[in-house]
Amino acid sequence: MKVGILGAGAVAAGTAAYLAQSGHEPTVWSPSGKSLKPLSAGGLLTARKAIEGEFAVGWAGSAQAAVAGQQVVLVALPAYGHKAVLDAVAPYLVNGQTVIFSSHASFGALYLSRLMAERGIKLPIIAWGTTLTTGRLGGDDSVNVATVRKKVDYACLPDGDAEACGRLLVDLFGDRFVARDGLMAIALSNLNPQNHLGIALLNLTRMEKGEVWSQAEHVTPAVGRFIEALDAERLAIADCFGREVRTVRQHFSLSFHVPEDSVSAMNQEMHRQGHNGSGPATMDSRYIYEDVPFGLYPTALLGRIAGRPATLHEAGIAIFSAACGRDLTQDNDLLPALALDSLSREALEALTRSGY
């Protein structure tokens, strides 16, 4: 299949390598025009570690070219770029295409659903709870893929398309997808923001001083307990909405192939196995500037709507905002556009089932 990938960072490149290795035809678009630029001249994408090889990956020079003629369009860039990119490609999406969010954040699927409704376009939207791959770019034309996840949760909008969407995902990426109960479940399934809050907050001076430090090694027992307490808040909110979601222990086990244990013990095992990815070496990190406004803030909002306040999430937002010297929730440009805080719980749940 032809797949247009909106984004050209590590997740986009890792996903493109996986698709090309599987016989599909991915094309990437860098909204900034910077990443993976050699592909524009016909260069090959080199993948290392969890995926090995050199792959032909197309390059799109514009938003229109990124989606024109593609059977599937996959959003794979930081959440702070979602609204601008969705606004850019929305005029060119057509009936019959499928859009995948890798991964979903801050009800971006609802925002796209509204854009399509305004044009009278109907297309299935698939939201993932996490990304297929993790890793980092290795240069202008290479990606180091740390892991390919064994399981990825997903939901469809509208949710009546779930069976067909599941077949499409298997055709593209193999039998690794777990259907969840609607977009609300996926909105409460992205564990990276809560995990990164624990890791970054309790290692903040390492980031600010630019130290080189092993992330898994520094998920000490105290950090692990904090992450598990954050997870308990998220699970309680999901329970209020009647949704079953993956636990943080399940997440680490399935993502990094270690036996279930405490969060700290699993991270120490990851470190022993050589999963030695470095933690952020700057405060100018997606752990703060993406995960706080687009991850923690939506979870906190759902906690308020459900009547189950996420005290630690709210505190994390306030502490990071104080440390950064500004209200980080103001960086979120999706929630104000959707005005979800003005909706009743019932209206929000209906939207997450059917879209606009």
Protein backbone atom coordinates (compact mmCIF):
# COMPACT_ATOMS: atom_id res chain seq x y z
CA MET A 1 0.00 0.00 0.00
CA LYS A 2 0.96 3.63 -0.50
CA VAL A 3 1.37 5.38 2.87
CA GLY A 4 1.99 9.08 3.35
CA ILE A 5 3.77 9.83 6.62
CA LEU A 6 3.36 13.30 8.07
CA GLY A 7 6.60 13.87 9.93
CA ALA A 8 10.25 13.03 9.42
CA GLY A 9 11.60 12.42 12.93
CA ALA A 10 12.65 9.16 14.53
CA VAL A 11 9.15 7.68 14.82
CA ALA A 12 8.29 8.61 11.24
CA ALA A 13 11.58 7.21 9.94
CA GLY A 14 11.31 4.00 11.97
CA THR A 15 7.75 3.44 10.77
CA ALA A 16 8.78 4.14 7.18
CA ALA A 17 11.59 1.59 7.45
CA TYR A 18 9.19 -1.01 8.84
CA LEU A 19 6.68 -0.39 6.05
CA ALA A 20 9.33 -0.52 3.31
CA GLN A 21 10.79 -3.71 4.76
CA SER A 22 7.27 -5.21 4.60
CA GLY A 23 6.84 -4.35 0.93
CA HIS A 24 4.78 -1.18 1.21
CA GLU A 25 5.53 2.24 -0.31
CA PRO A 26 6.01 4.92 2.35
CA THR A 27 6.52 8.59 1.57
CA VAL A 28 7.60 11.04 4.27
CA TRP A 29 6.94 14.74 4.51
CA SER A 30 8.98 17.00 6.75
CA PRO A 31 6.84 20.04 7.62
CA SER A 32 10.02 21.96 8.48
CA GLY A 33 11.86 20.70 5.41
CA LYS A 34 14.90 19.77 7.51
CA SER A 35 14.86 16.10 8.51
CA LEU A 36 15.71 13.24 6.10
CA LYS A 37 16.46 15.76 3.32
CA PRO A 38 18.70 13.32 1.32
CA LEU A 39 15.55 11.30 0.54
CA SER A 40 14.37 14.19 -1.64
CA ALA A 41 17.21 13.41 -4.05
CA GLY A 42 16.41 9.70 -4.20
CA GLY A 43 18.67 8.63 -1.34
CA LEU A 44 18.00 5.53 0.73
CA LEU A 45 16.91 5.45 4.36
CA THR A 46 19.31 3.39 6.49
CA ALA A 47 17.84 1.63 9.53
CA ARG A 48 19.89 0.02 12.28
CA LYS A 49 19.37 -2.10 15.42
CA ALA A 50 15.79 -3.43 15.69
CA ILE A 51 15.34 -2.93 11.91
CA GLU A 52 18.37 -3.41 9.66
CA GLY A 53 18.73 -2.40 6.04
CA GLU A 54 18.58 0.32 3.42
CA PHE A 55 15.15 1.22 2.10
CA ALA A 56 13.67 3.29 -0.70
CA VAL A 57 11.39 5.83 0.94
CA GLY A 58 9.64 8.59 -0.99
CA TRP A 59 9.85 12.28 -0.20
CA ALA A 60 6.99 14.77 -0.45
CA GLY A 61 7.73 18.42 -0.93
CA SER A 62 4.38 19.76 0.25
CA ALA A 63 1.33 18.94 2.33
CA GLN A 64 -0.67 18.24 -0.80
CA ALA A 65 1.96 15.90 -2.20
CA ALA A 66 2.17 14.10 1.15
CA VAL A 67 -1.43 12.90 0.97
CA ALA A 68 -2.31 12.90 -2.74
CA GLY A 69 -2.79 9.35 -4.04
CA GLN A 70 -2.02 7.74 -0.68
CA GLN A 71 -4.26 4.95 0.57
CA VAL A 72 -3.22 5.65 4.16
CA VAL A 73 -1.96 8.81 5.84
CA LEU A 74 -0.04 8.42 9.10
CA VAL A 75 0.53 11.30 11.53
CA ALA A 76 3.93 10.78 13.16
CA LEU A 77 5.27 13.98 14.66
CA PRO A 78 5.25 15.70 18.06
CA ALA A 79 1.81 16.67 19.35
CA TYR A 80 2.66 20.38 19.25
CA GLY A 81 2.78 20.05 15.46
CA HIS A 82 -0.50 18.15 15.03
CA LYS A 83 -2.91 21.06 14.61
CA ALA A 84 -0.78 22.95 12.10
CA VAL A 85 -0.15 19.81 10.03
CA LEU A 86 -3.80 18.70 10.15
CA ASP A 87 -4.84 22.19 9.02
CA ALA A 88 -2.33 21.93 6.16
CA VAL A 89 -3.41 18.53 4.83
CA ALA A 90 -7.16 18.65 5.57
CA PRO A 91 -8.05 20.38 2.27
CA TYR A 92 -6.46 17.51 0.32
CA LEU A 93 -7.78 14.43 2.14
CA VAL A 94 -10.48 12.54 0.24
CA ASN A 95 -13.09 9.87 0.81
CA GLY A 96 -11.58 6.40 0.88
CA GLN A 97 -8.34 7.34 2.63
CA THR A 98 -7.58 6.24 6.20
CA VAL A 99 -5.72 8.43 8.69
CA ILE A 100 -3.66 6.90 11.52
CA PHE A 101 -2.38 8.84 14.54
CA SER A 102 0.96 7.43 15.73
CA SER A 103 0.41 8.12 18.49
CA HIS A 104 -2.79 9.94 19.43
CA ALA A 105 -2.61 12.99 21.70
CA SER A 106 -4.97 15.61 23.08
CA PHE A 107 -8.01 14.50 21.04
CA GLY A 108 -6.35 15.29 17.71
CA ALA A 109 -8.59 12.65 16.09
CA LEU A 110 -11.65 14.67 17.11
CA TYR A 111 -10.12 17.81 15.64
CA LEU A 112 -9.51 16.05 12.31
CA SER A 113 -13.03 14.60 12.42
CA ARG A 114 -14.42 18.13 12.69
CA LEU A 115 -12.28 19.38 9.80
CA MET A 116 -13.55 16.53 7.63
CA ALA A 117 -17.17 17.10 8.65
CA GLU A 118 -16.86 20.73 7.59
CA ARG A 119 -15.86 19.52 4.09
CA GLY A 120 -18.42 16.70 3.94
CA ILE A 121 -15.64 14.09 3.81
CA LYS A 122 -16.03 10.74 5.55
CA LEU A 123 -12.93 8.72 6.33
CA PRO A 124 -11.94 6.35 9.13
CA ILE A 125 -9.51 7.72 11.69
CA ILE A 126 -7.37 5.28 13.68
CA ALA A 127 -5.82 6.39 16.97
CA TRP A 128 -2.90 4.46 18.49
CA GLY A 129 -2.16 4.50 22.20
CA THR A 130 1.58 4.51 21.46
CA THR A 131 4.01 4.36 18.55
CA LEU A 132 5.03 1.27 16.60
CA THR A 133 8.75 2.01 16.98
CA THR A 134 11.04 3.91 19.31
CA GLY A 135 14.48 5.25 18.53
CA ARG A 136 16.46 8.26 17.38
CA LEU A 137 17.61 9.64 14.07
CA GLY A 138 21.19 8.63 13.36
CA GLY A 139 21.83 11.41 10.84
CA ASP A 140 20.26 13.02 7.79
CA ASP A 141 19.41 9.68 6.20
CA SER A 142 19.42 7.09 8.98
CA VAL A 143 17.45 5.98 12.03
CA ASN A 144 18.45 3.83 15.00
CA VAL A 145 15.33 1.84 15.88
CA ALA A 146 15.49 0.87 19.55
CA THR A 147 12.44 -1.38 19.57
CA VAL A 148 9.42 -2.49 17.55
CA ARG A 149 6.54 -2.88 19.97
CA LYS A 150 4.86 -6.27 20.26
CA LYS A 151 1.46 -4.79 21.06
CA VAL A 152 -0.18 -1.48 20.17
CA ASP A 153 -3.64 -0.42 21.40
CA TYR A 154 -5.96 1.26 18.91
CA ALA A 155 -9.46 2.63 18.45
CA CYS A 156 -11.36 3.99 15.46
CA LEU A 157 -13.47 7.06 14.87
CA PRO A 158 -16.28 6.41 14.21
CA ASP A 159 -16.04 3.26 16.30
CA GLY A 160 -18.25 1.29 13.89
CA ASP A 161 -15.22 1.05 11.57
CA ALA A 162 -13.14 -0.91 14.10
CA GLU A 163 -13.21 -4.30 12.35
CA ALA A 164 -12.17 -2.96 8.94
CA CYS A 165 -9.53 -0.75 10.57
CA GLY A 166 -8.13 -3.75 12.42
CA ARG A 167 -7.72 -5.69 9.15
CA LEU A 168 -5.96 -2.73 7.55
CA LEU A 169 -3.53 -2.45 10.46
CA VAL A 170 -2.64 -6.14 10.25
CA ASP A 171 -2.04 -5.83 6.49
CA LEU A 172 0.31 -2.92 7.09
CA PHE A 173 2.07 -3.75 10.34
CA GLY A 174 1.32 -7.36 11.26
CA ASP A 175 -0.77 -8.96 13.98
CA ARG A 176 0.17 -6.75 16.94
CA PHE A 177 -2.90 -4.57 17.50
CA VAL A 178 -5.34 -4.66 20.41
CA ALA A 179 -8.73 -2.99 19.93
CA ARG A 180 -9.80 -0.76 22.80
CA ASP A 181 -13.22 0.57 23.68
CA GLY A 182 -13.31 3.77 21.67
CA LEU A 183 -11.27 6.94 21.48
CA MET A 184 -11.78 7.67 25.18
CA ALA A 185 -9.80 4.55 26.05
CA ILE A 186 -6.97 5.59 23.73
CA ALA A 187 -7.01 9.11 25.19
CA LEU A 188 -6.19 7.44 28.51
CA SER A 189 -3.71 4.92 27.08
CA ASN A 190 -0.67 7.04 26.20
CA LEU A 191 1.60 6.40 29.17
CA ASN A 192 4.60 8.40 27.97
CA PRO A 193 3.50 11.73 29.52
CA GLN A 194 3.05 10.29 33.02
CA ASN A 195 6.25 8.23 32.77
CA HIS A 196 8.23 11.18 31.46
CA LEU A 197 6.86 13.36 34.26
CA GLY A 198 8.32 11.00 36.84
CA ILE A 199 11.62 10.62 35.01
CA ALA A 200 12.12 14.29 34.16
CA LEU A 201 10.87 15.86 37.38
CA LEU A 202 13.04 13.68 39.60
CA ASN A 203 16.09 14.06 37.33
CA LEU A 204 15.52 17.69 36.37
CA THR A 205 18.92 19.07 37.37
CA ARG A 206 20.63 16.40 35.24
CA MET A 207 18.68 17.75 32.27
CA GLU A 208 19.36 21.39 33.09
CA LYS A 209 23.11 20.78 33.53
CA GLY A 210 23.36 18.80 30.28
CA GLU A 211 24.58 15.61 31.92
CA VAL A 212 24.80 12.32 30.03
CA TRP A 213 22.77 9.81 32.02
CA SER A 214 21.16 6.45 31.37
CA GLN A 215 17.40 6.85 31.59
CA ALA A 216 16.45 3.29 32.59
CA GLU A 217 19.19 3.16 35.22
CA HIS A 218 17.86 6.32 36.85
CA VAL A 219 14.32 5.01 37.23
CA THR A 220 15.23 4.26 40.83
CA PRO A 221 12.72 2.84 43.35
CA ALA A 222 11.56 6.35 44.29
CA VAL A 223 11.03 7.31 40.64
CA GLY A 224 9.29 4.01 40.00
CA ARG A 225 6.89 4.49 42.91
CA PHE A 226 6.06 7.99 41.68
CA ILE A 227 5.28 6.67 38.18
CA GLU A 228 3.09 3.92 39.65
CA ALA A 229 1.17 6.52 41.68
CA LEU A 230 0.62 8.57 38.52
CA ASP A 231 -0.55 5.42 36.79
CA ALA A 232 -3.07 4.76 39.57
CA GLU A 233 -4.62 8.19 38.89
CA ARG A 234 -4.92 7.47 35.17
CA LEU A 235 -6.44 4.03 35.80
CA ALA A 236 -8.97 5.52 38.22
CA ILE A 237 -10.10 8.04 35.59
CA ALA A 238 -10.41 5.27 32.99
CA ASP A 239 -12.50 3.27 35.44
CA CYS A 240 -14.82 6.25 35.94
CA PHE A 241 -15.43 6.30 32.19
CA GLY A 242 -15.91 2.51 32.18
CA ARG A 243 -12.79 1.88 30.09
CA GLU A 244 -10.15 -0.83 30.43
CA VAL A 245 -6.64 0.35 29.58
CA ARG A 246 -3.14 -1.07 29.80
CA THR A 247 -1.24 -0.64 33.08
CA VAL A 248 2.22 0.90 33.25
CA ARG A 249 3.73 -2.48 34.16
CA GLN A 250 2.11 -4.09 31.12
CA HIS A 251 3.38 -1.20 29.00
CA PHE A 252 7.01 -1.63 30.01
CA SER A 253 6.84 -5.41 29.69
CA LEU A 254 5.31 -5.38 26.19
CA SER A 255 7.33 -2.42 24.90
CA PHE A 256 10.76 -3.45 26.15
CA HIS A 257 10.40 -7.22 26.44
CA VAL A 258 11.06 -7.62 30.17
CA PRO A 259 9.03 -9.63 32.73
CA GLU A 260 6.38 -7.73 34.68
CA ASP A 261 7.66 -6.41 38.00
CA SER A 262 7.78 -3.06 39.73
CA VAL A 263 8.45 -0.15 37.36
CA SER A 264 11.89 0.39 38.85
CA ALA A 265 12.81 -3.31 38.69
CA MET A 266 11.76 -3.52 35.04
CA ASN A 267 13.83 -0.46 34.16
CA GLN A 268 16.85 -1.87 35.98
CA GLU A 269 16.43 -5.09 33.98
CA MET A 270 16.22 -3.04 30.78
CA HIS A 271 19.48 -1.36 31.78
CA ARG A 272 21.13 -4.74 32.44
CA GLN A 273 20.01 -5.93 29.01
CA GLY A 274 21.70 -2.97 27.36
CA HIS A 275 18.71 -0.70 26.82
CA ASN A 276 20.93 2.26 27.59
CA GLY A 277 19.13 5.17 25.98
CA SER A 278 20.17 8.48 27.47
CA GLY A 279 17.77 10.72 29.32
CA PRO A 280 17.23 14.28 28.07
CA ALA A 281 20.33 16.48 28.31
CA THR A 282 18.38 19.75 28.24
CA MET A 283 15.23 21.21 29.71
CA ASP A 284 14.21 22.05 26.15
CA SER A 285 12.80 18.55 25.84
CA ARG A 286 9.61 16.95 24.58
CA TYR A 287 9.35 15.40 28.06
CA ILE A 288 8.33 18.89 29.18
CA TYR A 289 7.19 20.97 26.22
CA GLU A 290 5.17 18.23 24.52
CA ASP A 291 4.16 15.90 27.33
CA VAL A 292 2.96 18.53 29.81
CA PRO A 293 0.55 20.49 27.59
CA PHE A 294 -0.50 17.66 25.26
CA GLY A 295 -0.33 14.67 27.62
CA LEU A 296 -0.69 15.57 31.27
CA TYR A 297 -3.11 18.43 30.68
CA PRO A 298 -5.73 16.37 28.76
CA THR A 299 -5.57 13.64 31.42
CA ALA A 300 -6.05 16.23 34.16
CA LEU A 301 -9.00 17.68 32.21
CA LEU A 302 -10.61 14.23 31.93
CA GLY A 303 -10.11 13.78 35.66
CA ARG A 304 -12.03 16.98 36.33
CA ILE A 305 -14.84 15.99 33.93
CA ALA A 306 -15.07 12.53 35.53
CA GLY A 307 -15.07 13.93 39.05
CA ARG A 308 -11.83 12.07 39.83
CA PRO A 309 -9.16 14.80 40.11
CA ALA A 310 -5.67 13.74 39.05
CA THR A 311 -3.83 15.44 41.91
CA LEU A 312 -0.31 14.35 40.94
CA HIS A 313 -0.86 15.17 37.27
CA GLU A 314 -2.15 18.63 38.22
CA ALA A 315 0.81 19.14 40.54
CA GLY A 316 3.26 18.08 37.82
CA ILE A 317 1.77 20.61 35.42
CA ALA A 318 2.04 23.37 38.03
CA ILE A 319 5.62 22.45 39.03
CA PHE A 320 6.93 22.27 35.47
CA SER A 321 5.14 25.51 34.59
CA ALA A 322 6.80 27.20 37.57
CA ALA A 323 10.21 25.75 36.63
CA CYS A 324 9.81 26.93 33.02
CA GLY A 325 8.48 30.34 34.03
CA ARG A 326 5.16 30.15 32.15
CA ASP A 327 1.85 28.31 32.04
CA LEU A 328 2.61 25.31 29.82
CA THR A 329 -1.08 24.49 29.35
CA GLN A 330 -1.27 27.56 27.10
CA ASP A 331 0.91 25.71 24.56
CA ASN A 332 -1.95 23.31 23.81
CA ASP A 333 -3.70 24.56 20.65
CA LEU A 334 -6.00 21.54 20.19
CA LEU A 335 -8.10 21.63 23.37
CA PRO A 336 -9.10 25.32 22.99
CA ALA A 337 -10.09 24.66 19.37
CA LEU A 338 -12.35 21.81 20.51
CA ALA A 339 -13.63 23.54 23.69
CA LEU A 340 -13.89 20.15 25.40
CA ASP A 341 -13.96 21.75 28.83
CA SER A 342 -17.36 23.21 27.94
CA LEU A 343 -18.86 19.80 27.14
CA SER A 344 -20.74 17.55 29.51
CA ARG A 345 -19.36 14.11 30.20
CA GLU A 346 -22.15 12.58 28.11
CA ALA A 347 -21.53 14.87 25.14
CA LEU A 348 -17.80 14.18 25.22
CA GLU A 349 -18.34 10.42 25.36
CA ALA A 350 -20.74 10.62 22.39
CA LEU A 351 -18.16 12.56 20.35
CA THR A 352 -15.44 10.00 21.10
CA ARG A 353 -17.73 7.30 19.67
CA SER A 354 -19.03 8.92 16.52
CA GLY A 355 -16.96 12.01 15.84
CA TYR A 356 -18.48 15.14 14.32
